[in-house]
Amino acid sequence: MVLISLLLLLLPVSVITILVIIILPRLLANPALSPKKPLPPGPKPWPIVGNLPHLGKMPHLSFQHFSNLYGPLISFRLGSQHLVVANSPAAASEILRTHDRILSARFISRVFPYTATELARKAVIWASSCNSQWKDFRAMFRNQIFSNKAIESQAALREKKVAEMVEFLGGKLGESVSIEEVAFSSIFDSLSNLIFSRDCIGFERNETKNQLRSLIQRLIELGVAPNLADFFPILKNLDLQGLTREASRTLNQIYSIFAPYVKERREKRKKQEGDKAGDFLDIFLENGLDDDQINWLTLELYVAGTDTTALTIEWAMTELVRNRGAMNKLREELKREVMLPPLPGEPLINESVLAQLSYLNAVVKETMRLHPVGALLLPHRAAESCEVMDYTIPAGAQVLVNVWAIGRDPAIWGDDSASFRPERFIGSKVDFRGQDFELLPFGSGRRMCPGVPLATRQVPLVLAALVRSFDWCLPGEEDPREMNMSEKFGLLLQKERPLLLVPSRSSL
């Protein structure tokens, strides 16, 4: 009896010893079999809901707060799903460059009524993976739609639309106007002409013309609405909140607006009537895209190229009105370099001149640093598990880069990191084209915004026209230093209160 008891006591020790003898040498010889490194640190999750209560209404601020507590790479559990957030240039570089291949998959909200496979054949921005179809689309965008040659050929159109904006504002002297709405209308119709060779909304408010904008904005709102199926995939087929049904209806309404344009163009091409328009729609058709692909890519162009640019211009004008010194420096540079009124036959503002204006471009960079409209970029997804900065990012995890926090980090930008000071970019080589990870308004790597060449022309052009053509003041007796700078978080970071300004004839 004593012998049996002794054997039972020694059995666990024997088993452990055998396991150590057999397994330990294998672990040492094969690091791939070693225990995984831990998840990035973060706040302790609550039962069931995880860290959802920690995010609040302003997740980019919450991520910055927890990064200060736990480090530049942090993790959260949202329901049953993992989320990893990079909050420093080093962490962003690891995600967008070092591990770009593994982490360049796209996290797709289950609000969209499409499977990953369906999106993979028709999307660029929202393609679930960087597959061969995605590569073909990216090549089309790079070589045909946003090539240097194409961008140069479109300059006259952009200049014309800006001149129309200035003419419209000339009829609003002394009245309050929404800077975002005016900029949006100019940019939207500029893009509409690039896609369909026609205006789609105009400057005057019109229910029919504004329908497309309202539908696109509604789709964006649905795409970022808290969705139970994203946090608990087991619920993905239930659509308990009705978000997927509404997104499907909204998409169908948007496509019904595109449909006549596409049908008309197909018929003209079939009959070989007239010259080719040479717009994006022609490029899509020449590349053999079907209607479903054209509809989705057109929608992506509108979503990525309109509100983003208009909001950047609104934030820039907000900061210039608050900082009269910066406004005066910009006005003097524009007065010196941009002739108004133009010579007969010349554009109101020649786009080619603007690239040489150092202070104008510094204002644009400083605005994108302080107010990146894509505060967290678009969500990436880990295609497979990988190790980043001595932590594990599990397969399927959602991955974000907090460019808002990076742009305001005192360790990078100094003690005045929260101040609008364009001078910090004068003589600086830091740029926003994806190589400098302290300034990432357009992202970097495979998923970098394909429309950067267009955006970097459009923003300074519209901003220069607004500042050069008019003097601006706030309505009433409002003190610019007391302006409400609160943000409204969504897919895009907006001003909580839209910027209303009163134009008057330029004193330059």
Protein backbone atom coordinates (compact mmCIF):
# COMPACT_ATOMS: atom_id res chain seq x y z
CA MET A 1 0.00 0.00 0.00
CA VAL A 2 2.81 2.38 0.88
CA LEU A 3 4.59 1.43 -2.36
CA ILE A 4 1.47 2.23 -4.46
CA SER A 5 1.06 5.61 -2.72
CA LEU A 6 4.70 6.43 -3.43
CA LEU A 7 4.31 5.51 -7.11
CA LEU A 8 1.23 7.71 -7.44
CA LEU A 9 3.15 10.57 -5.84
CA LEU A 10 6.10 10.19 -8.19
CA LEU A 11 4.04 9.68 -11.36
CA PRO A 12 3.39 13.40 -12.10
CA VAL A 13 7.05 14.19 -11.54
CA SER A 14 8.05 11.40 -13.90
CA VAL A 15 5.66 12.57 -16.60
CA ILE A 16 6.91 16.16 -16.35
CA THR A 17 10.52 14.97 -16.48
CA ILE A 18 9.86 12.89 -19.59
CA LEU A 19 8.05 15.78 -21.28
CA VAL A 20 10.94 18.14 -20.50
CA ILE A 21 13.50 15.66 -21.83
CA ILE A 22 11.57 15.07 -25.05
CA ILE A 23 10.01 18.48 -25.81
CA LEU A 24 12.52 21.06 -24.49
CA PRO A 25 15.27 20.18 -26.99
CA ARG A 26 12.71 20.49 -29.81
CA LEU A 27 11.62 23.90 -28.62
CA LEU A 28 15.20 25.08 -28.43
CA ALA A 29 15.97 23.67 -31.86
CA ASN A 30 12.78 25.02 -33.49
CA PRO A 31 11.74 28.54 -32.37
CA ALA A 32 8.54 28.20 -34.39
CA LEU A 33 7.33 25.72 -31.74
CA SER A 34 8.13 28.10 -28.88
CA PRO A 35 5.29 29.65 -26.92
CA LYS A 36 3.84 32.73 -28.63
CA LYS A 37 4.66 36.16 -27.33
CA PRO A 38 1.82 37.92 -25.50
CA LEU A 39 -0.70 40.27 -27.01
CA PRO A 40 0.18 43.96 -26.81
CA PRO A 41 -0.78 45.42 -23.41
CA GLY A 42 -4.01 47.27 -22.78
CA PRO A 43 -6.77 47.88 -20.25
CA LYS A 44 -8.41 44.86 -18.65
CA PRO A 45 -11.50 43.83 -20.63
CA TRP A 46 -14.94 43.60 -19.09
CA PRO A 47 -16.91 40.34 -19.26
CA ILE A 48 -18.64 39.73 -22.60
CA VAL A 49 -18.31 43.27 -24.03
CA GLY A 50 -14.55 43.39 -23.58
CA ASN A 51 -13.04 46.87 -23.90
CA LEU A 52 -15.97 48.47 -25.74
CA PRO A 53 -16.73 50.77 -22.77
CA HIS A 54 -13.12 52.01 -22.83
CA LEU A 55 -13.38 53.45 -26.35
CA GLY A 56 -15.95 56.16 -25.69
CA LYS A 57 -17.23 58.53 -28.37
CA MET A 58 -13.73 59.65 -29.37
CA PRO A 59 -11.68 56.45 -29.85
CA HIS A 60 -8.60 58.26 -31.20
CA LEU A 61 -8.37 60.16 -27.90
CA SER A 62 -8.94 56.99 -25.87
CA PHE A 63 -6.20 55.18 -27.81
CA GLN A 64 -3.80 58.07 -27.18
CA HIS A 65 -4.62 57.94 -23.45
CA PHE A 66 -4.03 54.19 -23.16
CA SER A 67 -0.88 54.45 -25.25
CA ASN A 68 0.52 56.84 -22.65
CA LEU A 69 -0.18 54.18 -20.02
CA TYR A 70 0.82 50.97 -21.84
CA GLY A 71 3.15 51.90 -24.70
CA PRO A 72 3.02 52.62 -28.45
CA LEU A 73 1.42 49.29 -29.43
CA ILE A 74 -1.74 48.44 -27.48
CA SER A 75 -4.53 45.91 -27.77
CA PHE A 76 -8.21 45.69 -26.91
CA ARG A 77 -10.91 43.07 -27.01
CA LEU A 78 -14.12 44.25 -28.64
CA GLY A 79 -16.70 41.62 -27.83
CA SER A 80 -14.97 38.45 -29.03
CA GLN A 81 -12.68 40.23 -31.50
CA HIS A 82 -9.12 41.54 -31.09
CA LEU A 83 -8.06 45.09 -31.94
CA VAL A 84 -4.44 46.32 -32.08
CA VAL A 85 -3.58 50.03 -32.35
CA ALA A 86 -0.25 51.64 -33.27
CA ASN A 87 0.34 55.06 -31.71
CA SER A 88 3.93 55.95 -32.68
CA PRO A 89 5.98 56.25 -35.89
CA ALA A 90 7.96 53.13 -34.94
CA ALA A 91 4.81 51.07 -34.38
CA ALA A 92 3.25 52.46 -37.58
CA SER A 93 6.38 51.53 -39.54
CA GLU A 94 6.21 47.97 -38.22
CA ILE A 95 2.61 47.62 -39.38
CA LEU A 96 2.68 49.55 -42.66
CA ARG A 97 6.18 48.62 -43.85
CA THR A 98 7.93 45.77 -42.00
CA HIS A 99 4.84 43.52 -41.78
CA ASP A 100 2.87 45.16 -44.56
CA ARG A 101 2.30 41.91 -46.47
CA ILE A 102 0.68 40.13 -43.53
CA LEU A 103 -1.19 43.15 -42.15
CA SER A 104 -2.46 44.64 -45.42
CA ALA A 105 -5.69 42.67 -45.49
CA ARG A 106 -8.77 44.83 -44.97
CA PHE A 107 -11.18 44.58 -42.05
CA ILE A 108 -14.66 44.71 -43.60
CA SER A 109 -17.62 45.71 -41.48
CA ARG A 110 -20.46 43.21 -41.70
CA VAL A 111 -22.77 46.15 -42.36
CA PHE A 112 -21.86 45.87 -46.04
CA PRO A 113 -24.11 43.38 -47.84
CA TYR A 114 -21.18 41.73 -49.59
CA THR A 115 -18.97 38.80 -48.78
CA ALA A 116 -15.19 39.17 -48.78
CA THR A 117 -15.14 37.21 -52.05
CA GLU A 118 -17.59 39.62 -53.70
CA LEU A 119 -15.59 42.66 -52.65
CA ALA A 120 -12.37 41.01 -53.76
CA ARG A 121 -13.46 41.12 -57.41
CA LYS A 122 -14.61 44.75 -57.53
CA ALA A 123 -12.90 46.86 -54.86
CA VAL A 124 -9.60 48.67 -54.39
CA ILE A 125 -9.95 50.47 -51.08
CA TRP A 126 -12.26 47.88 -49.51
CA ALA A 127 -10.81 44.77 -51.16
CA SER A 128 -10.52 42.15 -48.43
CA SER A 129 -7.05 41.11 -49.61
CA CYS A 130 -4.35 42.26 -52.02
CA ASN A 131 -5.18 39.58 -54.59
CA SER A 132 -4.49 39.57 -58.34
CA GLN A 133 -7.68 41.52 -59.13
CA TRP A 134 -6.69 44.19 -56.60
CA LYS A 135 -3.23 44.41 -58.19
CA ASP A 136 -4.79 44.89 -61.63
CA PHE A 137 -7.04 47.66 -60.32
CA ARG A 138 -4.15 49.36 -58.54
CA ALA A 139 -2.13 49.27 -61.76
CA MET A 140 -5.06 50.85 -63.62
CA PHE A 141 -5.29 53.63 -61.04
CA ARG A 142 -1.54 54.20 -61.00
CA ASN A 143 -0.92 54.07 -64.75
CA GLN A 144 -4.11 55.54 -66.18
CA ILE A 145 -6.33 57.35 -63.71
CA PHE A 146 -3.79 59.00 -61.39
CA SER A 147 -0.67 58.94 -63.56
CA ASN A 148 1.42 62.12 -63.78
CA LYS A 149 0.30 62.58 -67.38
CA ALA A 150 -3.37 62.22 -66.44
CA ILE A 151 -3.09 64.59 -63.48
CA GLU A 152 -1.43 67.24 -65.65
CA SER A 153 -4.10 66.88 -68.33
CA GLN A 154 -6.85 67.46 -65.74
CA ALA A 155 -5.42 70.77 -64.44
CA ALA A 156 -7.61 72.97 -66.67
CA LEU A 157 -10.75 71.25 -65.36
CA ARG A 158 -9.77 71.78 -61.72
CA GLU A 159 -8.91 75.42 -62.42
CA LYS A 160 -12.30 75.91 -64.13
CA LYS A 161 -14.20 74.45 -61.19
CA VAL A 162 -12.31 76.64 -58.73
CA ALA A 163 -13.12 79.71 -60.85
CA GLU A 164 -16.81 78.73 -60.68
CA MET A 165 -16.52 78.45 -56.89
CA VAL A 166 -15.03 81.95 -56.67
CA GLU A 167 -17.78 83.30 -58.92
CA PHE A 168 -20.43 81.71 -56.69
CA LEU A 169 -18.85 83.20 -53.56
CA GLY A 170 -18.70 86.58 -55.27
CA GLY A 171 -22.50 86.56 -55.15
CA LYS A 172 -22.46 85.78 -51.41
CA LEU A 173 -20.46 88.79 -50.18
CA GLY A 174 -21.55 89.78 -46.70
CA GLU A 175 -23.44 86.50 -46.15
CA SER A 176 -22.49 83.52 -44.00
CA VAL A 177 -21.37 80.53 -46.04
CA SER A 178 -20.34 77.02 -45.00
CA ILE A 179 -16.75 76.57 -46.10
CA GLU A 180 -17.08 72.79 -46.11
CA GLU A 181 -20.21 72.84 -48.28
CA VAL A 182 -18.72 75.26 -50.82
CA ALA A 183 -15.44 73.35 -51.02
CA PHE A 184 -17.31 70.05 -51.23
CA SER A 185 -19.49 71.21 -54.13
CA SER A 186 -16.45 72.36 -56.12
CA ILE A 187 -14.53 69.15 -55.44
CA PHE A 188 -17.51 66.85 -56.01
CA ASP A 189 -18.28 68.32 -59.43
CA SER A 190 -14.60 68.37 -60.34
CA LEU A 191 -14.48 64.64 -59.61
CA SER A 192 -17.84 64.05 -61.34
CA ASN A 193 -16.40 65.57 -64.50
CA LEU A 194 -13.35 63.34 -64.20
CA ILE A 195 -15.59 60.27 -63.86
CA PHE A 196 -18.66 61.05 -66.00
CA SER A 197 -17.72 64.31 -67.83
CA ARG A 198 -20.64 66.16 -66.20
CA ASP A 199 -21.60 68.10 -63.06
CA CYS A 200 -23.65 66.15 -60.54
CA ILE A 201 -24.58 68.61 -57.76
CA GLY A 202 -23.69 72.29 -58.31
CA PHE A 203 -23.37 75.00 -55.65
CA GLU A 204 -27.01 75.89 -55.05
CA ARG A 205 -28.88 73.61 -52.69
CA ASN A 206 -31.19 71.36 -54.67
CA GLU A 207 -32.94 68.28 -53.32
CA THR A 208 -32.46 66.26 -56.50
CA LYS A 209 -28.82 67.19 -57.01
CA ASN A 210 -27.94 66.74 -53.35
CA GLN A 211 -29.48 63.28 -53.23
CA LEU A 212 -26.24 61.60 -54.27
CA ARG A 213 -24.27 63.37 -51.57
CA SER A 214 -26.86 62.51 -48.91
CA LEU A 215 -26.85 58.85 -49.92
CA ILE A 216 -23.06 58.60 -49.86
CA GLN A 217 -22.91 60.29 -46.46
CA ARG A 218 -25.56 57.94 -45.14
CA LEU A 219 -23.59 54.94 -46.38
CA ILE A 220 -20.50 56.25 -44.57
CA GLU A 221 -22.51 56.65 -41.37
CA LEU A 222 -23.77 53.07 -41.66
CA GLY A 223 -20.24 51.81 -42.29
CA VAL A 224 -18.97 53.16 -38.96
CA ALA A 225 -22.10 52.55 -36.88
CA PRO A 226 -21.46 50.20 -33.92
CA ASN A 227 -22.51 46.83 -35.27
CA LEU A 228 -23.06 43.84 -33.00
CA ALA A 229 -22.06 41.43 -35.77
CA ASP A 230 -18.60 43.00 -35.96
CA PHE A 231 -18.05 42.39 -32.26
CA PHE A 232 -19.79 39.01 -32.09
CA PRO A 233 -19.46 37.25 -35.50
CA ILE A 234 -21.81 34.52 -34.34
CA LEU A 235 -24.58 37.09 -34.96
CA LYS A 236 -23.46 37.91 -38.52
CA ASN A 237 -26.50 36.40 -40.26
CA LEU A 238 -29.11 37.97 -37.99
CA ASP A 239 -28.77 41.71 -38.83
CA LEU A 240 -30.43 42.50 -35.50
CA GLN A 241 -30.01 46.26 -35.96
CA GLY A 242 -31.18 46.34 -39.57
CA LEU A 243 -27.94 48.05 -40.66
CA THR A 244 -27.18 45.65 -43.50
CA ARG A 245 -30.67 45.98 -44.95
CA GLU A 246 -30.43 49.76 -44.90
CA ALA A 247 -26.93 49.69 -46.42
CA SER A 248 -28.24 47.47 -49.22
CA ARG A 249 -31.10 49.89 -49.95
CA THR A 250 -28.72 52.86 -49.91
CA LEU A 251 -26.28 51.18 -52.29
CA ASN A 252 -29.09 50.34 -54.71
CA GLN A 253 -30.21 53.99 -54.70
CA ILE A 254 -26.66 55.18 -55.39
CA TYR A 255 -26.24 52.67 -58.20
CA SER A 256 -29.54 53.78 -59.74
CA ILE A 257 -28.03 57.28 -60.12
CA PHE A 258 -24.90 55.91 -61.81
CA ALA A 259 -26.80 53.50 -64.05
CA PRO A 260 -28.05 55.94 -66.76
CA TYR A 261 -24.56 57.40 -67.20
CA VAL A 262 -22.98 53.98 -67.62
CA LYS A 263 -25.75 52.72 -69.92
CA GLU A 264 -25.56 55.81 -72.13
CA ARG A 265 -21.79 55.51 -72.44
CA ARG A 266 -21.92 51.80 -73.27
CA GLU A 267 -24.46 52.48 -76.02
CA LYS A 268 -22.38 55.30 -77.49
CA ARG A 269 -19.28 53.16 -77.51
CA LYS A 270 -21.20 50.29 -79.10
CA LYS A 271 -22.45 52.62 -81.87
CA GLN A 272 -19.07 54.39 -81.99
CA GLU A 273 -20.83 57.75 -81.72
CA GLY A 274 -18.60 60.76 -81.22
CA ASP A 275 -15.16 60.96 -79.69
CA LYS A 276 -14.26 59.16 -76.50
CA ALA A 277 -14.72 61.34 -73.43
CA GLY A 278 -11.40 60.16 -72.07
CA ASP A 279 -12.76 60.20 -68.51
CA PHE A 280 -12.57 57.54 -65.80
CA LEU A 281 -15.70 55.83 -67.12
CA ASP A 282 -14.03 55.35 -70.49
CA ILE A 283 -10.99 53.89 -68.75
CA PHE A 284 -13.20 51.46 -66.83
CA LEU A 285 -14.94 50.35 -70.00
CA GLU A 286 -11.70 50.00 -71.95
CA ASN A 287 -10.43 47.70 -69.20
CA GLY A 288 -13.50 45.47 -69.56
CA LEU A 289 -15.12 46.21 -66.18
CA ASP A 290 -18.73 45.15 -65.70
CA ASP A 291 -21.42 47.42 -64.22
CA ASP A 292 -21.00 46.00 -60.72
CA GLN A 293 -17.28 46.77 -60.72
CA ILE A 294 -17.81 50.24 -62.20
CA ASN A 295 -20.47 51.10 -59.62
CA TRP A 296 -18.32 50.09 -56.67
CA LEU A 297 -15.09 51.71 -57.90
CA THR A 298 -16.99 54.93 -58.67
CA LEU A 299 -18.44 54.90 -55.17
CA GLU A 300 -14.96 54.41 -53.70
CA LEU A 301 -13.68 57.39 -55.70
CA TYR A 302 -16.45 59.63 -54.36
CA VAL A 303 -16.06 58.45 -50.77
CA ALA A 304 -12.27 58.80 -50.78
CA GLY A 305 -11.97 61.96 -52.86
CA THR A 306 -14.67 64.42 -51.81
CA ASP A 307 -15.42 64.75 -48.08
CA THR A 308 -11.78 64.05 -47.20
CA THR A 309 -10.57 66.99 -49.29
CA ALA A 310 -13.40 69.33 -48.30
CA LEU A 311 -12.89 68.66 -44.57
CA THR A 312 -9.13 69.26 -44.88
CA ILE A 313 -9.85 72.64 -46.48
CA GLU A 314 -12.37 73.46 -43.74
CA TRP A 315 -9.83 72.64 -41.02
CA ALA A 316 -7.18 74.72 -42.82
CA MET A 317 -9.47 77.75 -43.07
CA THR A 318 -10.43 77.30 -39.41
CA GLU A 319 -6.80 77.43 -38.32
CA LEU A 320 -5.97 80.36 -40.61
CA VAL A 321 -8.88 82.42 -39.27
CA ARG A 322 -7.75 81.64 -35.71
CA ASN A 323 -4.11 82.41 -36.48
CA ARG A 324 -4.01 85.77 -38.26
CA GLY A 325 -0.22 85.72 -38.45
CA ALA A 326 -0.31 82.54 -40.53
CA MET A 327 -3.17 83.91 -42.65
CA ASN A 328 -1.23 87.10 -43.38
CA LYS A 329 1.92 85.20 -44.35
CA LEU A 330 -0.07 83.04 -46.74
CA ARG A 331 -1.87 86.05 -48.21
CA GLU A 332 1.42 87.82 -48.83
CA GLU A 333 2.88 84.78 -50.56
CA LEU A 334 -0.20 84.43 -52.76
CA LYS A 335 -0.23 88.15 -53.54
CA ARG A 336 3.38 87.93 -54.62
CA GLU A 337 3.03 84.78 -56.73
CA VAL A 338 -0.59 84.64 -57.95
CA MET A 339 -1.84 87.44 -60.20
CA LEU A 340 -5.45 88.61 -59.78
CA PRO A 341 -7.34 89.44 -61.88
CA PRO A 342 -5.82 87.05 -64.41
CA LEU A 343 -4.73 88.00 -67.89
CA PRO A 344 -7.29 87.39 -70.67
CA GLY A 345 -7.53 83.68 -71.40
CA GLU A 346 -5.59 82.74 -68.27
CA PRO A 347 -7.08 80.68 -65.39
CA LEU A 348 -7.99 82.45 -62.16
CA ILE A 349 -5.20 80.54 -60.41
CA ASN A 350 -2.63 78.53 -62.33
CA GLU A 351 -2.29 75.19 -60.57
CA SER A 352 1.30 74.68 -61.76
CA VAL A 353 2.48 77.67 -59.70
CA LEU A 354 1.21 76.34 -56.39
CA ALA A 355 3.73 73.53 -55.99
CA GLN A 356 6.46 76.18 -55.65
CA LEU A 357 4.73 78.10 -52.83
CA SER A 358 6.53 76.97 -49.68
CA TYR A 359 4.23 78.58 -47.12
CA LEU A 360 1.03 77.36 -48.80
CA ASN A 361 2.33 73.81 -48.81
CA ALA A 362 3.50 74.16 -45.21
CA VAL A 363 -0.04 75.22 -44.25
CA VAL A 364 -1.42 72.10 -45.97
CA LYS A 365 1.05 69.81 -44.19
CA GLU A 366 0.42 71.43 -40.82
CA THR A 367 -3.33 71.04 -41.29
CA MET A 368 -2.95 67.36 -42.15
CA ARG A 369 -0.69 66.88 -39.12
CA LEU A 370 -3.09 68.48 -36.62
CA HIS A 371 -6.35 67.43 -38.27
CA PRO A 372 -5.93 64.21 -40.27
CA VAL A 373 -9.46 63.54 -41.47
CA GLY A 374 -8.72 59.82 -41.40
CA ALA A 375 -7.66 59.89 -37.76
CA LEU A 376 -7.17 56.10 -37.59
CA LEU A 377 -6.74 55.44 -41.33
CA LEU A 378 -8.94 52.62 -42.62
CA PRO A 379 -8.90 49.38 -40.62
CA HIS A 380 -6.37 46.72 -41.58
CA ARG A 381 -6.70 43.04 -40.72
CA ALA A 382 -4.03 40.46 -39.89
CA ALA A 383 -4.18 37.80 -42.62
CA GLU A 384 -2.15 35.55 -40.33
CA SER A 385 -0.56 35.72 -36.91
CA CYS A 386 2.71 37.69 -36.66
CA GLU A 387 5.06 39.18 -34.09
CA VAL A 388 5.38 42.97 -33.90
CA MET A 389 7.57 44.78 -31.36
CA ASP A 390 7.86 41.59 -29.23
CA TYR A 391 4.08 41.09 -29.16
CA THR A 392 1.74 38.79 -31.06
CA ILE A 393 -0.93 40.13 -33.39
CA PRO A 394 -3.31 37.19 -33.82
CA ALA A 395 -4.73 36.20 -37.19
CA GLY A 396 -8.00 37.99 -37.91
CA ALA A 397 -7.28 40.90 -35.57
CA GLN A 398 -8.32 44.39 -36.65
CA VAL A 399 -5.30 46.73 -36.84
CA LEU A 400 -5.44 50.55 -36.68
CA VAL A 401 -2.83 53.29 -36.92
CA ASN A 402 -3.61 56.35 -34.80
CA VAL A 403 -2.18 59.07 -37.06
CA TRP A 404 -4.01 61.69 -34.99
CA ALA A 405 -1.96 60.77 -31.90
CA ILE A 406 1.27 60.56 -33.91
CA GLY A 407 0.67 64.04 -35.33
CA ARG A 408 0.33 65.53 -31.85
CA ASP A 409 3.11 63.65 -30.05
CA PRO A 410 5.36 66.17 -28.20
CA ALA A 411 8.26 63.72 -28.46
CA ILE A 412 8.13 64.18 -32.24
CA TRP A 413 6.82 67.71 -32.73
CA GLY A 414 7.97 69.49 -29.57
CA ASP A 415 6.15 71.19 -26.74
CA ASP A 416 4.00 73.18 -29.19
CA SER A 417 2.73 70.02 -30.91
CA ALA A 418 -0.89 71.09 -30.33
CA SER A 419 -0.29 74.51 -31.92
CA PHE A 420 -0.84 75.43 -35.56
CA ARG A 421 2.60 76.51 -36.77
CA PRO A 422 3.23 75.95 -40.49
CA GLU A 423 6.79 77.25 -40.06
CA ARG A 424 7.80 73.86 -38.67
CA PHE A 425 7.65 72.51 -42.25
CA ILE A 426 9.64 75.29 -43.89
CA GLY A 427 12.93 73.69 -44.93
CA SER A 428 11.77 70.31 -43.59
CA LYS A 429 12.02 67.19 -45.74
CA VAL A 430 9.13 65.52 -43.93
CA ASP A 431 6.39 64.75 -46.45
CA PHE A 432 3.05 62.94 -46.46
CA ARG A 433 3.73 60.45 -49.26
CA GLY A 434 4.14 57.43 -47.01
CA GLN A 435 7.88 57.41 -46.32
CA ASP A 436 7.89 59.58 -43.20
CA PHE A 437 5.94 57.78 -40.49
CA GLU A 438 5.50 60.86 -38.32
CA LEU A 439 3.12 62.29 -40.99
CA LEU A 440 0.71 59.74 -42.47
CA PRO A 441 -2.57 61.39 -43.56
CA PHE A 442 -2.72 59.09 -46.61
CA GLY A 443 -1.28 55.98 -44.96
CA SER A 444 1.64 54.00 -46.35
CA GLY A 445 2.48 50.67 -47.95
CA ARG A 446 0.17 48.58 -50.09
CA ARG A 447 -2.94 50.24 -48.73
CA MET A 448 -1.79 53.83 -49.14
CA CYS A 449 -4.50 56.04 -50.69
CA PRO A 450 -4.19 55.72 -54.50
CA GLY A 451 -5.59 59.25 -54.99
CA VAL A 452 -2.69 61.11 -53.36
CA PRO A 453 -1.59 62.73 -56.66
CA LEU A 454 -5.06 64.27 -57.08
CA ALA A 455 -5.56 65.28 -53.44
CA THR A 456 -2.20 67.04 -53.27
CA ARG A 457 -3.25 69.21 -56.22
CA GLN A 458 -6.85 69.82 -55.17
CA VAL A 459 -6.33 70.93 -51.56
CA PRO A 460 -3.79 73.73 -52.18
CA LEU A 461 -5.66 74.92 -55.28
CA VAL A 462 -9.01 75.40 -53.52
CA LEU A 463 -7.36 76.82 -50.39
CA ALA A 464 -5.30 79.31 -52.41
CA ALA A 465 -8.41 80.47 -54.28
CA LEU A 466 -10.34 81.05 -51.04
CA VAL A 467 -7.54 83.01 -49.37
CA ARG A 468 -6.41 84.98 -52.44
CA SER A 469 -9.86 85.95 -53.70
CA PHE A 470 -11.59 87.08 -50.49
CA ASP A 471 -11.14 88.47 -47.02
CA TRP A 472 -12.85 86.33 -44.40
CA CYS A 473 -14.38 86.98 -40.99
CA LEU A 474 -16.66 85.19 -38.56
CA PRO A 475 -20.35 86.11 -38.42
CA GLY A 476 -21.32 88.69 -35.81
CA GLU A 477 -18.82 89.60 -33.15
CA GLU A 478 -17.40 86.13 -32.56
CA ASP A 479 -13.77 86.13 -31.47
CA PRO A 480 -11.69 83.78 -33.64
CA ARG A 481 -9.66 82.78 -30.59
CA GLU A 482 -12.85 81.47 -28.98
CA MET A 483 -13.89 79.27 -31.91
CA ASN A 484 -15.25 75.83 -31.10
CA MET A 485 -12.58 73.34 -32.17
CA SER A 486 -14.41 70.22 -31.01
CA GLU A 487 -14.29 67.20 -33.27
CA LYS A 488 -16.96 64.76 -34.40
CA PHE A 489 -15.56 61.25 -34.79
CA GLY A 490 -16.58 58.93 -37.60
CA LEU A 491 -14.97 57.39 -40.63
CA LEU A 492 -13.77 60.98 -41.13
CA LEU A 493 -12.89 63.47 -38.41
CA GLN A 494 -15.18 66.48 -38.82
CA LYS A 495 -15.65 69.76 -37.02
CA GLU A 496 -18.47 69.33 -34.56
CA ARG A 497 -19.71 72.79 -35.57
CA PRO A 498 -19.28 73.52 -39.30
CA LEU A 499 -17.18 76.56 -40.12
CA LEU A 500 -19.34 79.52 -41.19
CA LEU A 501 -17.47 82.53 -42.59
CA VAL A 502 -18.45 85.79 -44.25
CA PRO A 503 -16.57 86.66 -47.46
CA SER A 504 -15.78 90.23 -48.54
CA ARG A 505 -13.79 91.62 -51.44
CA SER A 506 -10.11 90.91 -51.10
CA SER A 507 -8.03 93.81 -49.83
CA LEU A 508 -4.91 92.48 -51.56
